[in-house]
Amino acid sequence: MMNTFTTLLGIETPMVQAPMGGAAGPHLTASVSNAGALGTLPLSGADADQARQRLRQVRQMTARPFAVNLNASKNQDARMDLCLEEGVPAFSLFWGQSPCLVARAKAGGAVVMQTVGSAKEACEAVDAGADVIVAQGWEAGGHVGGTVTTMALVPAVVDAVGSVPVIAAGGIADGRGMAAALALGAQGVWIGTRFLASDEAAIHPEYIARLLAADETATGYYESLFDIGWPDAPHRVLRNSTTKAWETAGRPENGARPGEGDIVASSSSGGDIQRYQCLTPGTDLRGDIEALSMWAGQSVGSVRRVLPAGDIVREILNEARRVALRLAEGADRQAAPAMLKEDTRR
């Protein structure tokens, strides 16, 4: 499945591991890259020492290309300079556009992937110099920048940006979704929720258990609910006791929400954690894990077992190939001369 995107990034499989906040560390990033896809290391909140350490850990585990994700709504100049010093080959920019960051990355010889939620945003990103457009549909887990579904968004973005590679994000967790995205004109897929159920994901066992038990209706989209630490940032999470209590109370505004200010958990690294706090439940948490923000997309219904990240890459790719082959064989068997003629009716 080599194409313009894979050639540009120097990878074999047209698949990108989503940044996934606190769930994705050096181990997951390197494992995905070693399997031939593109691993992504989130560094938006890391200080200089943390960022350099994590980058060097990735380099110790893989010689293959990987990307660093940065939140473009914050000042990322220092982090980008550090990443370029460390030889990062690609950047994923999210939550707003920053032509200055794009120019900075490209001047350093890196490829830039920009996440968008509309065709208009995609054109603006291309004008700013982005090399790859990530079209993120509303189905996606975690923070979501748009309100259009993946099925509608991807072809609109593909048509809008011409020859610039488009990656489909949101609602894709298996080879069927990958094949569908490619049929829509995308040159690759962006996968997060499926990688949460990987051996390398740094999340709490209860979070994993709830992912595996969830179906396609188990998530909710919220304009600003788990917002302590990141306000006014729409997101999709697994519904839980916190979301249900808030909805039962009539969805009150910030300041009047049920249990606001409650300490529901704690961690050895970050201390006390409040209800409505924006964080990824990590392995060192203790307390009411169920009440916390468990990011997940609508594709969670397809996630049924935990596997090594490399196996997930190969499983999705192999299934996509089987789907494409089955469709091609079916078309060959069913095609008739009359069906191949152009319909000239108006």
C-alpha atoms as a PDB file:
ATOM      1  CA  MET A   1       0.000   0.000   0.000  1.00  0.00           C
ATOM      2  CA  MET A   2       2.714   2.464  -0.947  1.00  0.00           C
ATOM      3  CA  ASN A   3       1.558   5.905  -2.105  1.00  0.00           C
ATOM      4  CA  THR A   4       2.526   9.577  -2.003  1.00  0.00           C
ATOM      5  CA  PHE A   5       2.024   9.752   1.755  1.00  0.00           C
ATOM      6  CA  THR A   6       4.104   6.703   2.619  1.00  0.00           C
ATOM      7  CA  THR A   7       6.873   7.834   0.279  1.00  0.00           C
ATOM      8  CA  LEU A   8       6.882  11.312   1.809  1.00  0.00           C
ATOM      9  CA  LEU A   9       7.200   9.926   5.349  1.00  0.00           C
ATOM     10  CA  GLY A  10       9.462   6.992   4.486  1.00  0.00           C
ATOM     11  CA  ILE A  11       7.079   4.366   5.896  1.00  0.00           C
ATOM     12  CA  GLU A  12       5.594   1.160   4.466  1.00  0.00           C
ATOM     13  CA  THR A  13       2.074   1.198   5.892  1.00  0.00           C
ATOM     14  CA  PRO A  14      -0.293   4.174   5.377  1.00  0.00           C
ATOM     15  CA  MET A  15      -1.253   4.369   9.036  1.00  0.00           C
ATOM     16  CA  VAL A  16      -0.547   6.908  11.779  1.00  0.00           C
ATOM     17  CA  GLN A  17      -0.905   6.299  15.503  1.00  0.00           C
ATOM     18  CA  ALA A  18      -2.841   9.203  17.004  1.00  0.00           C
ATOM     19  CA  PRO A  19      -1.068  11.222  19.738  1.00  0.00           C
ATOM     20  CA  MET A  20      -3.449   9.924  22.455  1.00  0.00           C
ATOM     21  CA  GLY A  21      -2.283  12.310  25.174  1.00  0.00           C
ATOM     22  CA  GLY A  22      -0.884  10.529  28.211  1.00  0.00           C
ATOM     23  CA  ALA A  23      -1.539   7.083  26.749  1.00  0.00           C
ATOM     24  CA  ALA A  24       1.223   7.294  24.147  1.00  0.00           C
ATOM     25  CA  GLY A  25       4.822   7.228  25.288  1.00  0.00           C
ATOM     26  CA  PRO A  26       8.112   6.268  23.654  1.00  0.00           C
ATOM     27  CA  HIS A  27       7.361   2.534  23.796  1.00  0.00           C
ATOM     28  CA  LEU A  28       4.091   2.785  21.852  1.00  0.00           C
ATOM     29  CA  THR A  29       5.528   5.291  19.387  1.00  0.00           C
ATOM     30  CA  ALA A  30       8.532   3.101  18.605  1.00  0.00           C
ATOM     31  CA  SER A  31       6.484  -0.100  18.391  1.00  0.00           C
ATOM     32  CA  VAL A  32       4.131   1.386  15.794  1.00  0.00           C
ATOM     33  CA  SER A  33       7.040   2.760  13.757  1.00  0.00           C
ATOM     34  CA  ASN A  34       8.885  -0.558  13.938  1.00  0.00           C
ATOM     35  CA  ALA A  35       5.801  -2.224  12.437  1.00  0.00           C
ATOM     36  CA  GLY A  36       6.081   0.005   9.359  1.00  0.00           C
ATOM     37  CA  ALA A  37       3.485   2.657  10.260  1.00  0.00           C
ATOM     38  CA  LEU A  38       4.091   6.113  11.762  1.00  0.00           C
ATOM     39  CA  GLY A  39       4.240   6.328  15.545  1.00  0.00           C
ATOM     40  CA  THR A  40       3.453   9.684  17.157  1.00  0.00           C
ATOM     41  CA  LEU A  41       4.887  11.057  20.399  1.00  0.00           C
ATOM     42  CA  PRO A  42       2.816  13.769  22.146  1.00  0.00           C
ATOM     43  CA  LEU A  43       5.055  16.445  23.660  1.00  0.00           C
ATOM     44  CA  SER A  44       2.775  19.492  24.002  1.00  0.00           C
ATOM     45  CA  GLY A  45       3.061  19.648  27.784  1.00  0.00           C
ATOM     46  CA  ALA A  46       6.558  18.253  28.287  1.00  0.00           C
ATOM     47  CA  ASP A  47       9.351  20.426  29.637  1.00  0.00           C
ATOM     48  CA  ALA A  48      12.713  20.477  27.877  1.00  0.00           C
ATOM     49  CA  ASP A  49      14.272  17.669  29.910  1.00  0.00           C
ATOM     50  CA  GLN A  50      11.215  15.427  29.567  1.00  0.00           C
ATOM     51  CA  ALA A  51      10.936  16.067  25.847  1.00  0.00           C
ATOM     52  CA  ARG A  52      14.584  15.336  25.160  1.00  0.00           C
ATOM     53  CA  GLN A  53      14.506  12.182  27.283  1.00  0.00           C
ATOM     54  CA  ARG A  54      11.404  10.835  25.538  1.00  0.00           C
ATOM     55  CA  LEU A  55      12.762  11.606  22.092  1.00  0.00           C
ATOM     56  CA  ARG A  56      16.002   9.816  22.839  1.00  0.00           C
ATOM     57  CA  GLN A  57      14.076   6.829  24.222  1.00  0.00           C
ATOM     58  CA  VAL A  58      12.207   6.584  20.931  1.00  0.00           C
ATOM     59  CA  ARG A  59      15.492   6.784  19.036  1.00  0.00           C
ATOM     60  CA  GLN A  60      16.927   3.978  21.156  1.00  0.00           C
ATOM     61  CA  MET A  61      14.003   1.716  20.251  1.00  0.00           C
ATOM     62  CA  THR A  62      13.583   2.474  16.561  1.00  0.00           C
ATOM     63  CA  ALA A  63      15.549   3.792  13.607  1.00  0.00           C
ATOM     64  CA  ARG A  64      12.343   4.335  11.632  1.00  0.00           C
ATOM     65  CA  PRO A  65      10.485   7.630  11.082  1.00  0.00           C
ATOM     66  CA  PHE A  66       8.113   8.937  13.747  1.00  0.00           C
ATOM     67  CA  ALA A  67       6.225  12.163  14.430  1.00  0.00           C
ATOM     68  CA  VAL A  68       5.882  14.555  17.358  1.00  0.00           C
ATOM     69  CA  ASN A  69       2.484  16.056  18.154  1.00  0.00           C
ATOM     70  CA  LEU A  70       2.214  19.672  19.316  1.00  0.00           C
ATOM     71  CA  ASN A  71      -0.852  21.685  20.353  1.00  0.00           C
ATOM     72  CA  ALA A  72      -0.737  24.657  17.989  1.00  0.00           C
ATOM     73  CA  SER A  73      -2.886  26.838  20.270  1.00  0.00           C
ATOM     74  CA  LYS A  74       0.049  27.150  22.680  1.00  0.00           C
ATOM     75  CA  ASN A  75       3.523  28.591  22.248  1.00  0.00           C
ATOM     76  CA  GLN A  76       5.539  25.655  20.947  1.00  0.00           C
ATOM     77  CA  ASP A  77       8.596  27.473  19.574  1.00  0.00           C
ATOM     78  CA  ALA A  78      11.012  26.122  22.187  1.00  0.00           C
ATOM     79  CA  ARG A  79       9.703  22.552  21.929  1.00  0.00           C
ATOM     80  CA  MET A  80       9.887  22.618  18.150  1.00  0.00           C
ATOM     81  CA  ASP A  81      13.449  23.914  18.200  1.00  0.00           C
ATOM     82  CA  LEU A  82      14.409  21.137  20.608  1.00  0.00           C
ATOM     83  CA  CYS A  83      12.716  18.526  18.425  1.00  0.00           C
ATOM     84  CA  LEU A  84      14.495  19.780  15.328  1.00  0.00           C
ATOM     85  CA  GLU A  85      17.801  19.659  17.207  1.00  0.00           C
ATOM     86  CA  GLU A  86      17.010  16.023  17.998  1.00  0.00           C
ATOM     87  CA  GLY A  87      16.294  15.265  14.336  1.00  0.00           C
ATOM     88  CA  VAL A  88      12.510  14.732  14.517  1.00  0.00           C
ATOM     89  CA  PRO A  89      11.418  13.967  10.941  1.00  0.00           C
ATOM     90  CA  ALA A  90       7.730  14.909  11.164  1.00  0.00           C
ATOM     91  CA  PHE A  91       5.311  17.030  13.188  1.00  0.00           C
ATOM     92  CA  SER A  92       1.600  16.679  13.810  1.00  0.00           C
ATOM     93  CA  LEU A  93      -0.033  20.032  14.573  1.00  0.00           C
ATOM     94  CA  PHE A  94      -3.437  20.092  16.224  1.00  0.00           C
ATOM     95  CA  TRP A  95      -5.974  22.441  17.798  1.00  0.00           C
ATOM     96  CA  GLY A  96      -5.555  25.462  15.610  1.00  0.00           C
ATOM     97  CA  GLN A  97      -3.203  26.453  12.873  1.00  0.00           C
ATOM     98  CA  SER A  98       0.122  28.199  13.171  1.00  0.00           C
ATOM     99  CA  PRO A  99       1.804  29.195   9.894  1.00  0.00           C
ATOM    100  CA  CYS A 100       4.852  30.192  11.925  1.00  0.00           C
ATOM    101  CA  LEU A 101       5.211  26.682  13.366  1.00  0.00           C
ATOM    102  CA  VAL A 102       4.731  25.178   9.916  1.00  0.00           C
ATOM    103  CA  ALA A 103       7.427  27.410   8.452  1.00  0.00           C
ATOM    104  CA  ARG A 104       9.741  26.655  11.365  1.00  0.00           C
ATOM    105  CA  ALA A 105       9.318  22.897  10.940  1.00  0.00           C
ATOM    106  CA  LYS A 106       9.773  22.950   7.177  1.00  0.00           C
ATOM    107  CA  ALA A 107      12.866  25.123   7.457  1.00  0.00           C
ATOM    108  CA  GLY A 108      14.260  22.398   9.694  1.00  0.00           C
ATOM    109  CA  GLY A 109      13.584  19.764   7.042  1.00  0.00           C
ATOM    110  CA  ALA A 110      10.554  18.151   8.738  1.00  0.00           C
ATOM    111  CA  VAL A 111       7.245  17.043   7.232  1.00  0.00           C
ATOM    112  CA  VAL A 112       4.163  18.796   8.648  1.00  0.00           C
ATOM    113  CA  MET A 113       0.792  17.117   9.182  1.00  0.00           C
ATOM    114  CA  GLN A 114      -2.078  19.452  10.098  1.00  0.00           C
ATOM    115  CA  THR A 115      -5.326  18.224  11.652  1.00  0.00           C
ATOM    116  CA  VAL A 116      -8.491  19.954  10.419  1.00  0.00           C
ATOM    117  CA  GLY A 117     -12.246  19.629  10.829  1.00  0.00           C
ATOM    118  CA  SER A 118     -13.440  21.198   7.569  1.00  0.00           C
ATOM    119  CA  ALA A 119     -12.456  21.630   3.933  1.00  0.00           C
ATOM    120  CA  LYS A 120     -11.979  25.375   4.551  1.00  0.00           C
ATOM    121  CA  GLU A 121      -9.469  24.662   7.324  1.00  0.00           C
ATOM    122  CA  ALA A 122      -7.734  22.173   5.044  1.00  0.00           C
ATOM    123  CA  CYS A 123      -7.225  24.804   2.340  1.00  0.00           C
ATOM    124  CA  GLU A 124      -5.871  27.251   4.900  1.00  0.00           C
ATOM    125  CA  ALA A 125      -3.426  24.609   6.122  1.00  0.00           C
ATOM    126  CA  VAL A 126      -2.216  23.894   2.596  1.00  0.00           C
ATOM    127  CA  ASP A 127      -1.769  27.622   1.979  1.00  0.00           C
ATOM    128  CA  ALA A 128       0.339  27.753   5.162  1.00  0.00           C
ATOM    129  CA  GLY A 129       2.587  25.010   3.798  1.00  0.00           C
ATOM    130  CA  ALA A 130       1.288  21.811   5.411  1.00  0.00           C
ATOM    131  CA  ASP A 131       2.490  18.681   3.603  1.00  0.00           C
ATOM    132  CA  VAL A 132      -0.284  16.351   4.823  1.00  0.00           C
ATOM    133  CA  ILE A 133      -3.852  17.046   5.934  1.00  0.00           C
ATOM    134  CA  VAL A 134      -5.447  14.965   8.703  1.00  0.00           C
ATOM    135  CA  ALA A 135      -9.217  15.145   8.255  1.00  0.00           C
ATOM    136  CA  GLN A 136     -10.632  14.432  11.721  1.00  0.00           C
ATOM    137  CA  GLY A 137     -14.257  13.381  11.849  1.00  0.00           C
ATOM    138  CA  TRP A 138     -16.653  13.959  14.735  1.00  0.00           C
ATOM    139  CA  GLU A 139     -16.498  10.236  15.642  1.00  0.00           C
ATOM    140  CA  ALA A 140     -12.951  10.582  16.938  1.00  0.00           C
ATOM    141  CA  GLY A 141     -12.068  10.055  20.572  1.00  0.00           C
ATOM    142  CA  GLY A 142     -10.338  12.609  22.759  1.00  0.00           C
ATOM    143  CA  HIS A 143     -10.382  16.243  21.691  1.00  0.00           C
ATOM    144  CA  VAL A 144     -12.285  16.878  18.480  1.00  0.00           C
ATOM    145  CA  GLY A 145     -11.932  20.086  16.492  1.00  0.00           C
ATOM    146  CA  GLY A 146     -14.874  19.731  14.102  1.00  0.00           C
ATOM    147  CA  THR A 147     -18.490  18.600  13.850  1.00  0.00           C
ATOM    148  CA  VAL A 148     -18.540  16.769  10.502  1.00  0.00           C
ATOM    149  CA  THR A 149     -18.480  12.965  10.277  1.00  0.00           C
ATOM    150  CA  THR A 150     -15.488  11.223   8.747  1.00  0.00           C
ATOM    151  CA  MET A 151     -17.559   9.810   5.878  1.00  0.00           C
ATOM    152  CA  ALA A 152     -18.624  13.312   4.808  1.00  0.00           C
ATOM    153  CA  LEU A 153     -15.428  15.156   5.715  1.00  0.00           C
ATOM    154  CA  VAL A 154     -12.775  13.047   3.982  1.00  0.00           C
ATOM    155  CA  PRO A 155     -14.063  13.329   0.378  1.00  0.00           C
ATOM    156  CA  ALA A 156     -14.745  17.053   0.872  1.00  0.00           C
ATOM    157  CA  VAL A 157     -11.171  17.611   2.043  1.00  0.00           C
ATOM    158  CA  VAL A 158      -9.709  15.381  -0.688  1.00  0.00           C
ATOM    159  CA  ASP A 159     -11.550  17.393  -3.330  1.00  0.00           C
ATOM    160  CA  ALA A 160     -10.467  20.678  -1.760  1.00  0.00           C
ATOM    161  CA  VAL A 161      -6.721  20.091  -1.450  1.00  0.00           C
ATOM    162  CA  GLY A 162      -5.954  18.372  -4.746  1.00  0.00           C
ATOM    163  CA  SER A 163      -2.685  16.451  -4.730  1.00  0.00           C
ATOM    164  CA  VAL A 164      -1.883  17.008  -1.041  1.00  0.00           C
ATOM    165  CA  PRO A 165      -2.186  13.682   0.827  1.00  0.00           C
ATOM    166  CA  VAL A 166      -5.173  13.377   3.165  1.00  0.00           C
ATOM    167  CA  ILE A 167      -5.276  11.079   6.188  1.00  0.00           C
ATOM    168  CA  ALA A 168      -8.676   9.978   7.533  1.00  0.00           C
ATOM    169  CA  ALA A 169      -9.182  10.224  11.299  1.00  0.00           C
ATOM    170  CA  GLY A 170     -12.167   9.305  13.444  1.00  0.00           C
ATOM    171  CA  GLY A 171     -14.138   6.074  13.733  1.00  0.00           C
ATOM    172  CA  ILE A 172     -11.469   3.806  12.204  1.00  0.00           C
ATOM    173  CA  ALA A 173     -10.310   0.814  14.222  1.00  0.00           C
ATOM    174  CA  ASP A 174     -10.011  -2.071  11.779  1.00  0.00           C
ATOM    175  CA  GLY A 175      -9.214  -3.013   8.191  1.00  0.00           C
ATOM    176  CA  ARG A 176     -12.775  -2.432   7.019  1.00  0.00           C
ATOM    177  CA  GLY A 177     -12.537   1.168   8.163  1.00  0.00           C
ATOM    178  CA  MET A 178      -9.141   1.529   6.538  1.00  0.00           C
ATOM    179  CA  ALA A 179     -10.418   0.182   3.216  1.00  0.00           C
ATOM    180  CA  ALA A 180     -13.402   2.545   3.383  1.00  0.00           C
ATOM    181  CA  ALA A 181     -11.152   5.535   4.079  1.00  0.00           C
ATOM    182  CA  LEU A 182      -8.930   4.697   1.126  1.00  0.00           C
ATOM    183  CA  ALA A 183     -12.035   4.329  -1.058  1.00  0.00           C
ATOM    184  CA  LEU A 184     -13.029   7.869  -0.053  1.00  0.00           C
ATOM    185  CA  GLY A 185      -9.726   9.169  -1.401  1.00  0.00           C
ATOM    186  CA  ALA A 186      -7.621   9.229   1.757  1.00  0.00           C
ATOM    187  CA  GLN A 187      -4.020   8.053   1.449  1.00  0.00           C
ATOM    188  CA  GLY A 188      -3.877   6.709   4.980  1.00  0.00           C
ATOM    189  CA  VAL A 189      -5.636   6.363   8.310  1.00  0.00           C
ATOM    190  CA  TRP A 190      -5.163   7.883  11.743  1.00  0.00           C
ATOM    191  CA  ILE A 191      -5.919   5.470  14.565  1.00  0.00           C
ATOM    192  CA  GLY A 192      -6.180   6.160  18.284  1.00  0.00           C
ATOM    193  CA  THR A 193      -8.881   4.191  20.112  1.00  0.00           C
ATOM    194  CA  ARG A 194      -7.647   0.836  18.803  1.00  0.00           C
ATOM    195  CA  PHE A 195      -4.121   1.554  20.073  1.00  0.00           C
ATOM    196  CA  LEU A 196      -5.471   2.259  23.561  1.00  0.00           C
ATOM    197  CA  ALA A 197      -5.978  -1.494  23.790  1.00  0.00           C
ATOM    198  CA  SER A 198      -2.334  -2.261  23.091  1.00  0.00           C
ATOM    199  CA  ASP A 199       0.302  -3.716  25.377  1.00  0.00           C
ATOM    200  CA  GLU A 200       2.295  -0.500  25.104  1.00  0.00           C
ATOM    201  CA  ALA A 201      -0.465   2.000  25.970  1.00  0.00           C
ATOM    202  CA  ALA A 202       0.190   3.585  29.373  1.00  0.00           C
ATOM    203  CA  ILE A 203      -3.362   3.520  30.734  1.00  0.00           C
ATOM    204  CA  HIS A 204      -5.064   2.135  33.832  1.00  0.00           C
ATOM    205  CA  PRO A 205      -6.342  -1.478  33.712  1.00  0.00           C
ATOM    206  CA  GLU A 206      -9.893  -0.302  34.487  1.00  0.00           C
ATOM    207  CA  TYR A 207      -9.762   2.058  31.517  1.00  0.00           C
ATOM    208  CA  ILE A 208      -8.764  -0.872  29.304  1.00  0.00           C
ATOM    209  CA  ALA A 209     -11.523  -3.071  30.730  1.00  0.00           C
ATOM    210  CA  ARG A 210     -14.159  -0.436  30.021  1.00  0.00           C
ATOM    211  CA  LEU A 211     -12.900   0.030  26.476  1.00  0.00           C
ATOM    212  CA  LEU A 212     -13.185  -3.695  25.803  1.00  0.00           C
ATOM    213  CA  ALA A 213     -16.708  -3.828  27.266  1.00  0.00           C
ATOM    214  CA  ALA A 214     -17.996  -0.770  25.371  1.00  0.00           C
ATOM    215  CA  ASP A 215     -20.150  -0.773  22.253  1.00  0.00           C
ATOM    216  CA  GLU A 216     -20.552   1.861  19.541  1.00  0.00           C
ATOM    217  CA  THR A 217     -23.121   3.779  21.628  1.00  0.00           C
ATOM    218  CA  ALA A 218     -20.947   4.020  24.756  1.00  0.00           C
ATOM    219  CA  THR A 219     -19.310   7.393  24.065  1.00  0.00           C
ATOM    220  CA  GLY A 220     -20.552  10.953  24.396  1.00  0.00           C
ATOM    221  CA  TYR A 221     -19.472  14.198  22.750  1.00  0.00           C
ATOM    222  CA  TYR A 222     -19.169  17.166  25.111  1.00  0.00           C
ATOM    223  CA  GLU A 223     -18.448  20.804  24.334  1.00  0.00           C
ATOM    224  CA  SER A 224     -16.622  21.420  27.608  1.00  0.00           C
ATOM    225  CA  LEU A 225     -17.084  18.875  30.380  1.00  0.00           C
ATOM    226  CA  PHE A 226     -13.698  17.407  31.334  1.00  0.00           C
ATOM    227  CA  ASP A 227     -12.230  20.874  31.090  1.00  0.00           C
ATOM    228  CA  ILE A 228     -10.059  21.452  34.154  1.00  0.00           C
ATOM    229  CA  GLY A 229      -6.663  22.074  32.571  1.00  0.00           C
ATOM    230  CA  TRP A 230      -8.027  22.492  29.036  1.00  0.00           C
ATOM    231  CA  PRO A 231     -11.194  24.639  28.909  1.00  0.00           C
ATOM    232  CA  ASP A 232     -13.484  25.148  25.912  1.00  0.00           C
ATOM    233  CA  ALA A 233     -12.156  22.103  24.082  1.00  0.00           C
ATOM    234  CA  PRO A 234     -14.859  19.709  22.771  1.00  0.00           C
ATOM    235  CA  HIS A 235     -14.095  16.046  23.331  1.00  0.00           C
ATOM    236  CA  ARG A 236     -15.459  12.504  23.133  1.00  0.00           C
ATOM    237  CA  VAL A 237     -15.204  10.111  26.089  1.00  0.00           C
ATOM    238  CA  LEU A 238     -16.782   6.961  27.444  1.00  0.00           C
ATOM    239  CA  ARG A 239     -19.967   7.845  29.308  1.00  0.00           C
ATOM    240  CA  ASN A 240     -19.593   7.247  33.046  1.00  0.00           C
ATOM    241  CA  SER A 241     -20.992   8.254  36.422  1.00  0.00           C
ATOM    242  CA  THR A 242     -19.687  11.803  36.008  1.00  0.00           C
ATOM    243  CA  THR A 243     -21.280  12.371  32.601  1.00  0.00           C
ATOM    244  CA  LYS A 244     -24.554  10.762  33.675  1.00  0.00           C
ATOM    245  CA  ALA A 245     -24.820  12.860  36.846  1.00  0.00           C
ATOM    246  CA  TRP A 246     -24.169  16.019  34.853  1.00  0.00           C
ATOM    247  CA  GLU A 247     -26.763  15.125  32.217  1.00  0.00           C
ATOM    248  CA  THR A 248     -29.324  14.169  34.879  1.00  0.00           C
ATOM    249  CA  ALA A 249     -28.787  17.569  36.497  1.00  0.00           C
ATOM    250  CA  GLY A 250     -29.695  19.264  33.212  1.00  0.00           C
ATOM    251  CA  ARG A 251     -26.185  19.902  31.921  1.00  0.00           C
ATOM    252  CA  PRO A 252     -25.455  22.876  34.206  1.00  0.00           C
ATOM    253  CA  GLU A 253     -22.740  25.393  33.439  1.00  0.00           C
ATOM    254  CA  ASN A 254     -19.249  25.304  34.892  1.00  0.00           C
ATOM    255  CA  GLY A 255     -19.459  26.175  38.576  1.00  0.00           C
ATOM    256  CA  ALA A 256     -22.768  24.426  39.160  1.00  0.00           C
ATOM    257  CA  ARG A 257     -21.937  20.898  38.066  1.00  0.00           C
ATOM    258  CA  PRO A 258     -22.582  17.918  40.389  1.00  0.00           C
ATOM    259  CA  GLY A 259     -19.541  17.035  42.491  1.00  0.00           C
ATOM    260  CA  GLU A 260     -17.479  19.911  41.185  1.00  0.00           C
ATOM    261  CA  GLY A 261     -14.310  20.233  43.236  1.00  0.00           C
ATOM    262  CA  ASP A 262     -14.450  16.621  44.464  1.00  0.00           C
ATOM    263  CA  ILE A 263     -11.115  14.821  44.612  1.00  0.00           C
ATOM    264  CA  VAL A 264     -11.914  11.499  42.985  1.00  0.00           C
ATOM    265  CA  ALA A 265      -8.446  10.045  42.454  1.00  0.00           C
ATOM    266  CA  SER A 266      -4.751  10.654  42.939  1.00  0.00           C
ATOM    267  CA  SER A 267      -1.468   9.659  41.373  1.00  0.00           C
ATOM    268  CA  SER A 268       2.074   9.346  42.609  1.00  0.00           C
ATOM    269  CA  SER A 269       3.284  11.637  39.827  1.00  0.00           C
ATOM    270  CA  GLY A 270       0.523  14.254  39.687  1.00  0.00           C
ATOM    271  CA  GLY A 271      -1.134  14.340  43.095  1.00  0.00           C
ATOM    272  CA  ASP A 272      -4.874  14.833  43.615  1.00  0.00           C
ATOM    273  CA  ILE A 273      -7.229  14.672  40.642  1.00  0.00           C
ATOM    274  CA  GLN A 274     -10.557  16.499  40.541  1.00  0.00           C
ATOM    275  CA  ARG A 275     -13.768  15.443  38.952  1.00  0.00           C
ATOM    276  CA  TYR A 276     -14.009  17.064  35.490  1.00  0.00           C
ATOM    277  CA  GLN A 277     -10.216  17.207  35.180  1.00  0.00           C
ATOM    278  CA  CYS A 278      -8.770  16.744  31.702  1.00  0.00           C
ATOM    279  CA  LEU A 279      -6.340  13.846  31.900  1.00  0.00           C
ATOM    280  CA  THR A 280      -5.698  10.324  30.699  1.00  0.00           C
ATOM    281  CA  PRO A 281      -6.088   7.739  33.509  1.00  0.00           C
ATOM    282  CA  GLY A 282      -2.592   6.317  33.835  1.00  0.00           C
ATOM    283  CA  THR A 283      -1.297   3.192  35.469  1.00  0.00           C
ATOM    284  CA  ASP A 284      -0.288   4.944  38.707  1.00  0.00           C
ATOM    285  CA  LEU A 285      -3.755   6.303  39.533  1.00  0.00           C
ATOM    286  CA  ARG A 286      -5.674   5.285  42.637  1.00  0.00           C
ATOM    287  CA  GLY A 287      -9.305   6.044  43.423  1.00  0.00           C
ATOM    288  CA  ASP A 288     -12.541   6.225  41.440  1.00  0.00           C
ATOM    289  CA  ILE A 289     -11.068   5.569  37.997  1.00  0.00           C
ATOM    290  CA  GLU A 290     -14.504   5.069  36.447  1.00  0.00           C
ATOM    291  CA  ALA A 291     -15.428   8.715  37.123  1.00  0.00           C
ATOM    292  CA  LEU A 292     -12.498  10.130  35.136  1.00  0.00           C
ATOM    293  CA  SER A 293     -12.140  11.180  31.499  1.00  0.00           C
ATOM    294  CA  MET A 294     -11.710   8.014  29.471  1.00  0.00           C
ATOM    295  CA  TRP A 295     -11.129   9.226  25.917  1.00  0.00           C
ATOM    296  CA  ALA A 296     -12.612   6.954  23.241  1.00  0.00           C
ATOM    297  CA  GLY A 297     -14.050   7.232  19.750  1.00  0.00           C
ATOM    298  CA  GLN A 298     -17.185   5.639  18.341  1.00  0.00           C
ATOM    299  CA  SER A 299     -15.038   2.875  16.865  1.00  0.00           C
ATOM    300  CA  VAL A 300     -14.625   1.503  20.403  1.00  0.00           C
ATOM    301  CA  GLY A 301     -17.264  -1.126  19.614  1.00  0.00           C
ATOM    302  CA  SER A 302     -14.716  -2.805  17.335  1.00  0.00           C
ATOM    303  CA  VAL A 303     -12.060  -3.023  20.059  1.00  0.00           C
ATOM    304  CA  ARG A 304     -12.291  -6.426  21.681  1.00  0.00           C
ATOM    305  CA  ARG A 305      -8.801  -7.546  22.726  1.00  0.00           C
ATOM    306  CA  VAL A 306      -5.442  -6.226  23.815  1.00  0.00           C
ATOM    307  CA  LEU A 307      -2.546  -6.881  21.446  1.00  0.00           C
ATOM    308  CA  PRO A 308       1.008  -5.640  20.920  1.00  0.00           C
ATOM    309  CA  ALA A 309       0.917  -2.446  18.860  1.00  0.00           C
ATOM    310  CA  GLY A 310       2.838  -4.055  16.008  1.00  0.00           C
ATOM    311  CA  ASP A 311       0.259  -6.823  15.783  1.00  0.00           C
ATOM    312  CA  ILE A 312      -2.509  -4.228  15.628  1.00  0.00           C
ATOM    313  CA  VAL A 313      -0.793  -2.518  12.683  1.00  0.00           C
ATOM    314  CA  ARG A 314      -0.425  -5.804  10.831  1.00  0.00           C
ATOM    315  CA  GLU A 315      -3.950  -6.995  11.654  1.00  0.00           C
ATOM    316  CA  ILE A 316      -5.560  -3.815  10.328  1.00  0.00           C
ATOM    317  CA  LEU A 317      -3.395  -3.768   7.206  1.00  0.00           C
ATOM    318  CA  ASN A 318      -4.026  -7.424   6.379  1.00  0.00           C
ATOM    319  CA  GLU A 319      -7.771  -7.051   6.860  1.00  0.00           C
ATOM    320  CA  ALA A 320      -7.818  -3.968   4.625  1.00  0.00           C
ATOM    321  CA  ARG A 321      -6.039  -5.949   1.918  1.00  0.00           C
ATOM    322  CA  ARG A 322      -8.560  -8.789   2.219  1.00  0.00           C
ATOM    323  CA  VAL A 323     -11.462  -6.358   1.983  1.00  0.00           C
ATOM    324  CA  ALA A 324      -9.998  -4.663  -1.083  1.00  0.00           C
ATOM    325  CA  LEU A 325      -9.379  -8.033  -2.740  1.00  0.00           C
ATOM    326  CA  ARG A 326     -12.882  -9.273  -1.948  1.00  0.00           C
ATOM    327  CA  LEU A 327     -14.439  -6.132  -3.386  1.00  0.00           C
ATOM    328  CA  ALA A 328     -12.312  -6.362  -6.517  1.00  0.00           C
ATOM    329  CA  GLU A 329     -13.191 -10.017  -7.020  1.00  0.00           C
ATOM    330  CA  GLY A 330     -16.860  -9.296  -6.460  1.00  0.00           C
ATOM    331  CA  ALA A 331     -16.829  -6.512  -9.000  1.00  0.00           C
ATOM    332  CA  ASP A 332     -15.155  -8.791 -11.552  1.00  0.00           C
ATOM    333  CA  ARG A 333     -17.747 -11.519 -11.069  1.00  0.00           C
ATOM    334  CA  GLN A 334     -20.776  -9.266 -11.167  1.00  0.00           C
ATOM    335  CA  ALA A 335     -19.768  -6.813 -13.852  1.00  0.00           C
ATOM    336  CA  ALA A 336     -21.674  -6.940 -17.129  1.00  0.00           C
ATOM    337  CA  PRO A 337     -21.109  -4.951 -20.320  1.00  0.00           C
ATOM    338  CA  ALA A 338     -24.260  -2.916 -19.754  1.00  0.00           C
ATOM    339  CA  MET A 339     -23.100  -1.908 -16.295  1.00  0.00           C
ATOM    340  CA  LEU A 340     -19.812  -0.615 -17.628  1.00  0.00           C
ATOM    341  CA  LYS A 341     -21.426   1.757 -20.099  1.00  0.00           C
ATOM    342  CA  GLU A 342     -21.659   5.372 -19.075  1.00  0.00           C
ATOM    343  CA  ASP A 343     -25.151   6.428 -18.027  1.00  0.00           C
ATOM    344  CA  THR A 344     -25.952   9.370 -20.314  1.00  0.00           C
ATOM    345  CA  ARG A 345     -29.385  10.064 -18.892  1.00  0.00           C
ATOM    346  CA  ARG A 346     -29.917  13.559 -17.505  1.00  0.00           C
END
